Amino acid sequence: MGTGARMTDPSASTEGERREPGVPERSEMHGEVDSFTGGPGVVATKSQARGGLAGAVVGAIVGALLGLLVGVLFLDAGSGIVIAVVAFAVAGATTGGVAGGFVQPRRKGVGDSTDV
């Protein structure tokens, strides 16, 4: 470096703040965080949450019907049918929730700006 030579950082803002290259602005991060939802142990986009909820409901209904069919055909009347219905409904809700969370965001249009 020569004396009196000053290097300018192309990533520095006009107010004199210096930013690391590739680090997003606070407003960019705020927009991205707004599109996420979370709970204990769960972080998903809003479209994933909507798809997961819809998938869980549909999966529970389909699982309960399948459990009823299996219970009537293969188990004794009474508690065996109820256990099959509940077990299949829980399995269907879990499977549907996971599958719905994957499928729902992919159905959204490419130019949709409501979710990331």
N, C-alpha and C. Protein backbone atom coordinates (compact mmCIF):
# COMPACT_ATOMS: atom_id res chain seq x y z
N MET A 1 0.83 -1.17 0.00
CA MET A 1 0.00 0.00 0.00
C MET A 1 0.88 1.24 0.00
N GLY A 2 0.51 2.17 -0.78
CA GLY A 2 1.24 3.44 -0.80
C GLY A 2 0.76 4.34 0.32
N THR A 3 1.56 5.33 0.64
CA THR A 3 1.14 6.25 1.68
C THR A 3 0.01 7.12 1.18
N GLY A 4 -0.97 7.28 2.00
CA GLY A 4 -2.12 8.10 1.64
C GLY A 4 -3.14 7.39 0.77
N ALA A 5 -2.87 6.16 0.33
CA ALA A 5 -3.83 5.43 -0.49
C ALA A 5 -4.88 4.81 0.43
N ARG A 6 -6.09 4.93 0.05
CA ARG A 6 -7.17 4.39 0.86
C ARG A 6 -7.98 3.44 0.01
N MET A 7 -8.18 2.24 0.52
CA MET A 7 -8.99 1.26 -0.21
C MET A 7 -10.43 1.42 0.22
N THR A 8 -11.32 1.35 -0.72
CA THR A 8 -12.75 1.42 -0.38
C THR A 8 -13.34 0.04 -0.47
N ASP A 9 -14.20 -0.24 0.47
CA ASP A 9 -14.88 -1.53 0.52
C ASP A 9 -16.17 -1.42 -0.27
N PRO A 10 -16.32 -2.23 -1.34
CA PRO A 10 -17.55 -2.11 -2.13
C PRO A 10 -18.80 -2.51 -1.38
N SER A 11 -18.66 -3.26 -0.27
CA SER A 11 -19.84 -3.67 0.49
C SER A 11 -20.20 -2.66 1.57
N ALA A 12 -19.42 -1.59 1.72
CA ALA A 12 -19.73 -0.59 2.74
C ALA A 12 -20.90 0.25 2.28
N SER A 13 -21.79 0.60 3.22
CA SER A 13 -22.95 1.39 2.87
C SER A 13 -22.58 2.87 2.83
N THR A 14 -23.52 3.70 2.43
CA THR A 14 -23.27 5.13 2.28
C THR A 14 -23.10 5.82 3.62
N GLU A 15 -23.62 5.26 4.72
CA GLU A 15 -23.48 5.89 6.02
C GLU A 15 -22.15 5.56 6.66
N GLY A 16 -21.32 4.83 6.01
CA GLY A 16 -20.03 4.49 6.58
C GLY A 16 -20.02 3.16 7.32
N GLU A 17 -21.16 2.46 7.39
CA GLU A 17 -21.19 1.15 8.01
C GLU A 17 -20.50 0.16 7.09
N ARG A 18 -19.86 -0.80 7.71
CA ARG A 18 -19.22 -1.84 6.91
C ARG A 18 -20.01 -3.12 7.09
N ARG A 19 -20.29 -3.76 5.98
CA ARG A 19 -21.00 -5.03 6.01
C ARG A 19 -20.11 -6.11 5.46
N GLU A 20 -20.27 -7.29 6.00
CA GLU A 20 -19.57 -8.43 5.45
C GLU A 20 -20.24 -8.82 4.13
N PRO A 21 -19.46 -9.24 3.15
CA PRO A 21 -20.08 -9.68 1.90
C PRO A 21 -20.97 -10.90 2.15
N GLY A 22 -22.14 -10.91 1.58
CA GLY A 22 -23.07 -12.03 1.70
C GLY A 22 -23.95 -11.98 2.93
N VAL A 23 -23.79 -11.00 3.79
CA VAL A 23 -24.63 -10.88 4.99
C VAL A 23 -25.84 -10.04 4.62
N PRO A 24 -27.04 -10.56 4.84
CA PRO A 24 -28.25 -9.83 4.43
C PRO A 24 -28.52 -8.62 5.32
N GLU A 25 -29.24 -7.68 4.78
CA GLU A 25 -29.69 -6.52 5.54
C GLU A 25 -30.73 -6.97 6.56
N ARG A 26 -30.93 -6.17 7.60
CA ARG A 26 -31.91 -6.50 8.64
C ARG A 26 -33.31 -6.62 8.04
N SER A 27 -33.66 -5.75 7.09
CA SER A 27 -34.99 -5.81 6.49
C SER A 27 -35.20 -7.09 5.68
N GLU A 28 -34.13 -7.58 5.05
CA GLU A 28 -34.24 -8.85 4.32
C GLU A 28 -34.49 -10.00 5.29
N MET A 29 -33.77 -9.99 6.40
CA MET A 29 -33.95 -11.06 7.39
C MET A 29 -35.34 -11.00 8.00
N HIS A 30 -35.85 -9.79 8.24
CA HIS A 30 -37.18 -9.64 8.82
C HIS A 30 -38.24 -10.24 7.89
N GLY A 31 -38.13 -9.99 6.60
CA GLY A 31 -39.08 -10.54 5.64
C GLY A 31 -39.04 -12.05 5.58
N GLU A 32 -37.84 -12.61 5.70
CA GLU A 32 -37.73 -14.07 5.66
C GLU A 32 -38.24 -14.71 6.94
N VAL A 33 -37.99 -14.10 8.07
CA VAL A 33 -38.44 -14.65 9.35
C VAL A 33 -39.96 -14.60 9.45
N ASP A 34 -40.58 -13.57 8.87
CA ASP A 34 -42.04 -13.48 8.90
C ASP A 34 -42.72 -14.64 8.20
N SER A 35 -42.04 -15.29 7.26
CA SER A 35 -42.68 -16.38 6.54
C SER A 35 -42.50 -17.72 7.24
N PHE A 36 -41.89 -17.74 8.42
CA PHE A 36 -41.71 -18.98 9.16
C PHE A 36 -42.65 -19.03 10.35
N THR A 37 -42.98 -20.23 10.74
CA THR A 37 -43.78 -20.46 11.93
C THR A 37 -43.09 -21.57 12.72
N GLY A 38 -43.30 -21.63 13.99
CA GLY A 38 -42.61 -22.63 14.77
C GLY A 38 -43.34 -22.98 16.04
N GLY A 39 -42.89 -24.02 16.62
CA GLY A 39 -43.41 -24.50 17.89
C GLY A 39 -42.31 -25.28 18.56
N PRO A 40 -42.63 -26.01 19.60
CA PRO A 40 -41.60 -26.81 20.27
C PRO A 40 -41.02 -27.87 19.34
N GLY A 41 -39.81 -27.66 18.90
CA GLY A 41 -39.15 -28.63 18.03
C GLY A 41 -39.56 -28.58 16.57
N VAL A 42 -40.37 -27.60 16.19
CA VAL A 42 -40.85 -27.53 14.81
C VAL A 42 -40.59 -26.14 14.25
N VAL A 43 -39.93 -26.08 13.12
CA VAL A 43 -39.77 -24.83 12.39
C VAL A 43 -40.12 -25.13 10.95
N ALA A 44 -41.08 -24.39 10.41
CA ALA A 44 -41.54 -24.62 9.04
C ALA A 44 -42.01 -23.30 8.45
N THR A 45 -42.08 -23.26 7.14
CA THR A 45 -42.67 -22.10 6.51
C THR A 45 -44.18 -22.17 6.72
N LYS A 46 -44.84 -21.06 6.51
CA LYS A 46 -46.29 -21.05 6.71
C LYS A 46 -46.99 -21.99 5.73
N SER A 47 -46.49 -22.07 4.50
CA SER A 47 -47.12 -22.98 3.54
C SER A 47 -46.90 -24.44 3.94
N GLN A 48 -45.74 -24.75 4.53
CA GLN A 48 -45.51 -26.11 5.01
C GLN A 48 -46.45 -26.43 6.17
N ALA A 49 -46.66 -25.47 7.05
CA ALA A 49 -47.56 -25.69 8.18
C ALA A 49 -48.99 -25.92 7.71
N ARG A 50 -49.44 -25.10 6.75
CA ARG A 50 -50.80 -25.29 6.21
C ARG A 50 -50.93 -26.64 5.52
N GLY A 51 -49.93 -27.00 4.72
CA GLY A 51 -49.96 -28.30 4.04
C GLY A 51 -49.90 -29.45 5.02
N GLY A 52 -49.09 -29.29 6.06
CA GLY A 52 -48.99 -30.35 7.07
C GLY A 52 -50.28 -30.55 7.83
N LEU A 53 -50.96 -29.45 8.16
CA LEU A 53 -52.23 -29.56 8.87
C LEU A 53 -53.29 -30.21 7.98
N ALA A 54 -53.37 -29.77 6.75
CA ALA A 54 -54.35 -30.38 5.82
C ALA A 54 -54.03 -31.85 5.60
N GLY A 55 -52.76 -32.17 5.43
CA GLY A 55 -52.37 -33.56 5.25
C GLY A 55 -52.66 -34.41 6.46
N ALA A 56 -52.49 -33.84 7.65
CA ALA A 56 -52.77 -34.59 8.88
C ALA A 56 -54.25 -34.90 9.01
N VAL A 57 -55.10 -33.93 8.67
CA VAL A 57 -56.55 -34.16 8.76
C VAL A 57 -56.99 -35.22 7.75
N VAL A 58 -56.54 -35.07 6.51
CA VAL A 58 -56.91 -36.05 5.48
C VAL A 58 -56.34 -37.42 5.83
N GLY A 59 -55.09 -37.44 6.30
CA GLY A 59 -54.47 -38.72 6.68
C GLY A 59 -55.18 -39.40 7.82
N ALA A 60 -55.66 -38.63 8.79
CA ALA A 60 -56.38 -39.21 9.93
C ALA A 60 -57.70 -39.82 9.47
N ILE A 61 -58.39 -39.15 8.58
CA ILE A 61 -59.67 -39.67 8.08
C ILE A 61 -59.45 -40.94 7.28
N VAL A 62 -58.49 -40.90 6.36
CA VAL A 62 -58.20 -42.08 5.54
C VAL A 62 -57.69 -43.22 6.42
N GLY A 63 -56.83 -42.90 7.39
CA GLY A 63 -56.32 -43.94 8.29
C GLY A 63 -57.42 -44.56 9.13
N ALA A 64 -58.35 -43.75 9.60
CA ALA A 64 -59.46 -44.28 10.40
C ALA A 64 -60.34 -45.21 9.57
N LEU A 65 -60.61 -44.81 8.33
CA LEU A 65 -61.42 -45.67 7.46
C LEU A 65 -60.69 -46.97 7.14
N LEU A 66 -59.40 -46.87 6.88
CA LEU A 66 -58.61 -48.07 6.61
C LEU A 66 -58.54 -48.95 7.86
N GLY A 67 -58.39 -48.33 9.03
CA GLY A 67 -58.38 -49.09 10.28
C GLY A 67 -59.70 -49.77 10.55
N LEU A 68 -60.80 -49.11 10.22
CA LEU A 68 -62.12 -49.73 10.36
C LEU A 68 -62.24 -50.95 9.47
N LEU A 69 -61.77 -50.81 8.24
CA LEU A 69 -61.82 -51.93 7.30
C LEU A 69 -60.98 -53.11 7.81
N VAL A 70 -59.76 -52.82 8.24
CA VAL A 70 -58.89 -53.88 8.76
C VAL A 70 -59.49 -54.49 10.02
N GLY A 71 -60.03 -53.65 10.90
CA GLY A 71 -60.62 -54.14 12.14
C GLY A 71 -61.82 -55.06 11.90
N VAL A 72 -62.66 -54.69 10.96
CA VAL A 72 -63.85 -55.50 10.67
C VAL A 72 -63.45 -56.81 10.01
N LEU A 73 -62.49 -56.77 9.11
CA LEU A 73 -62.12 -57.97 8.36
C LEU A 73 -61.26 -58.95 9.17
N PHE A 74 -60.33 -58.43 10.00
CA PHE A 74 -59.34 -59.32 10.59
C PHE A 74 -59.39 -59.43 12.11
N LEU A 75 -60.11 -58.58 12.79
CA LEU A 75 -60.12 -58.60 14.25
C LEU A 75 -61.50 -58.92 14.79
N ASP A 76 -61.52 -59.30 16.07
CA ASP A 76 -62.80 -59.57 16.71
C ASP A 76 -63.56 -58.27 16.92
N ALA A 77 -64.86 -58.39 17.06
CA ALA A 77 -65.70 -57.20 17.27
C ALA A 77 -65.35 -56.55 18.59
N GLY A 78 -65.60 -55.27 18.67
CA GLY A 78 -65.40 -54.56 19.93
C GLY A 78 -64.11 -53.80 19.98
N SER A 79 -63.34 -54.09 21.02
CA SER A 79 -62.15 -53.28 21.28
C SER A 79 -61.09 -53.43 20.19
N GLY A 80 -61.00 -54.55 19.53
CA GLY A 80 -60.02 -54.74 18.45
C GLY A 80 -60.25 -53.77 17.30
N ILE A 81 -61.51 -53.52 16.97
CA ILE A 81 -61.85 -52.59 15.89
C ILE A 81 -61.50 -51.16 16.31
N VAL A 82 -61.83 -50.81 17.55
CA VAL A 82 -61.54 -49.46 18.04
C VAL A 82 -60.04 -49.21 18.06
N ILE A 83 -59.27 -50.18 18.54
CA ILE A 83 -57.82 -50.04 18.58
C ILE A 83 -57.26 -49.89 17.17
N ALA A 84 -57.75 -50.68 16.22
CA ALA A 84 -57.28 -50.58 14.84
C ALA A 84 -57.61 -49.21 14.25
N VAL A 85 -58.82 -48.72 14.50
CA VAL A 85 -59.22 -47.40 13.97
C VAL A 85 -58.32 -46.31 14.53
N VAL A 86 -58.08 -46.32 15.84
CA VAL A 86 -57.25 -45.29 16.47
C VAL A 86 -55.81 -45.39 15.98
N ALA A 87 -55.26 -46.58 15.94
CA ALA A 87 -53.87 -46.76 15.51
C ALA A 87 -53.68 -46.32 14.05
N PHE A 88 -54.58 -46.72 13.19
CA PHE A 88 -54.47 -46.34 11.78
C PHE A 88 -54.71 -44.84 11.59
N ALA A 89 -55.58 -44.24 12.40
CA ALA A 89 -55.82 -42.80 12.30
C ALA A 89 -54.58 -42.02 12.71
N VAL A 90 -53.91 -42.44 13.77
CA VAL A 90 -52.68 -41.77 14.21
C VAL A 90 -51.59 -41.94 13.15
N ALA A 91 -51.44 -43.14 12.63
CA ALA A 91 -50.44 -43.38 11.58
C ALA A 91 -50.76 -42.56 10.33
N GLY A 92 -52.01 -42.50 9.96
CA GLY A 92 -52.41 -41.72 8.79
C GLY A 92 -52.19 -40.23 8.99
N ALA A 93 -52.48 -39.74 10.18
CA ALA A 93 -52.27 -38.31 10.48
C ALA A 93 -50.79 -37.96 10.43
N THR A 94 -49.95 -38.82 10.96
CA THR A 94 -48.51 -38.58 10.93
C THR A 94 -47.99 -38.59 9.51
N THR A 95 -48.36 -39.60 8.76
CA THR A 95 -47.92 -39.70 7.37
C THR A 95 -48.46 -38.54 6.53
N GLY A 96 -49.71 -38.23 6.70
CA GLY A 96 -50.32 -37.13 5.95
C GLY A 96 -49.72 -35.79 6.31
N GLY A 97 -49.40 -35.58 7.57
CA GLY A 97 -48.79 -34.33 8.00
C GLY A 97 -47.43 -34.12 7.39
N VAL A 98 -46.62 -35.16 7.39
CA VAL A 98 -45.29 -35.06 6.78
C VAL A 98 -45.39 -34.88 5.27
N ALA A 99 -46.21 -35.70 4.64
CA ALA A 99 -46.36 -35.59 3.18
C ALA A 99 -46.98 -34.25 2.78
N GLY A 100 -47.95 -33.77 3.52
CA GLY A 100 -48.57 -32.48 3.21
C GLY A 100 -47.60 -31.33 3.35
N GLY A 101 -46.70 -31.41 4.31
CA GLY A 101 -45.68 -30.39 4.49
C GLY A 101 -44.70 -30.34 3.34
N PHE A 102 -44.47 -31.48 2.70
CA PHE A 102 -43.57 -31.52 1.54
C PHE A 102 -44.28 -31.10 0.26
N VAL A 103 -45.51 -31.53 0.09
CA VAL A 103 -46.22 -31.31 -1.17
C VAL A 103 -46.76 -29.89 -1.29
N GLN A 104 -47.31 -29.31 -0.24
CA GLN A 104 -47.95 -28.00 -0.30
C GLN A 104 -47.03 -26.91 -0.83
N PRO A 105 -45.79 -26.75 -0.35
CA PRO A 105 -44.96 -25.67 -0.87
C PRO A 105 -44.62 -25.84 -2.35
N ARG A 106 -44.56 -27.04 -2.85
CA ARG A 106 -44.22 -27.28 -4.24
C ARG A 106 -45.37 -26.93 -5.18
N ARG A 107 -46.59 -26.88 -4.66
CA ARG A 107 -47.75 -26.52 -5.47
C ARG A 107 -47.85 -25.02 -5.70
N LYS A 108 -47.20 -24.24 -4.84
CA LYS A 108 -47.31 -22.80 -4.95
C LYS A 108 -46.66 -22.32 -6.24
N GLY A 109 -47.18 -21.21 -6.76
CA GLY A 109 -46.63 -20.65 -7.97
C GLY A 109 -45.22 -20.12 -7.76
N VAL A 110 -44.44 -20.09 -8.81
CA VAL A 110 -43.07 -19.64 -8.72
C VAL A 110 -43.00 -18.16 -8.36
N GLY A 111 -43.89 -17.36 -8.86
CA GLY A 111 -43.86 -15.93 -8.62
C GLY A 111 -44.61 -15.49 -7.38
N ASP A 112 -45.05 -16.41 -6.55
CA ASP A 112 -45.81 -16.05 -5.35
C ASP A 112 -44.87 -15.44 -4.33
N SER A 113 -45.20 -14.26 -3.85
CA SER A 113 -44.30 -13.56 -2.94
C SER A 113 -44.72 -13.68 -1.48
N THR A 114 -45.74 -14.46 -1.15
CA THR A 114 -46.19 -14.54 0.23
C THR A 114 -45.29 -15.44 1.05
N ASP A 115 -44.64 -16.41 0.44
CA ASP A 115 -43.72 -17.31 1.15
C ASP A 115 -42.41 -17.39 0.41
N VAL A 116 -41.42 -17.80 1.15
CA VAL A 116 -40.09 -17.92 0.56
C VAL A 116 -39.98 -19.27 -0.13
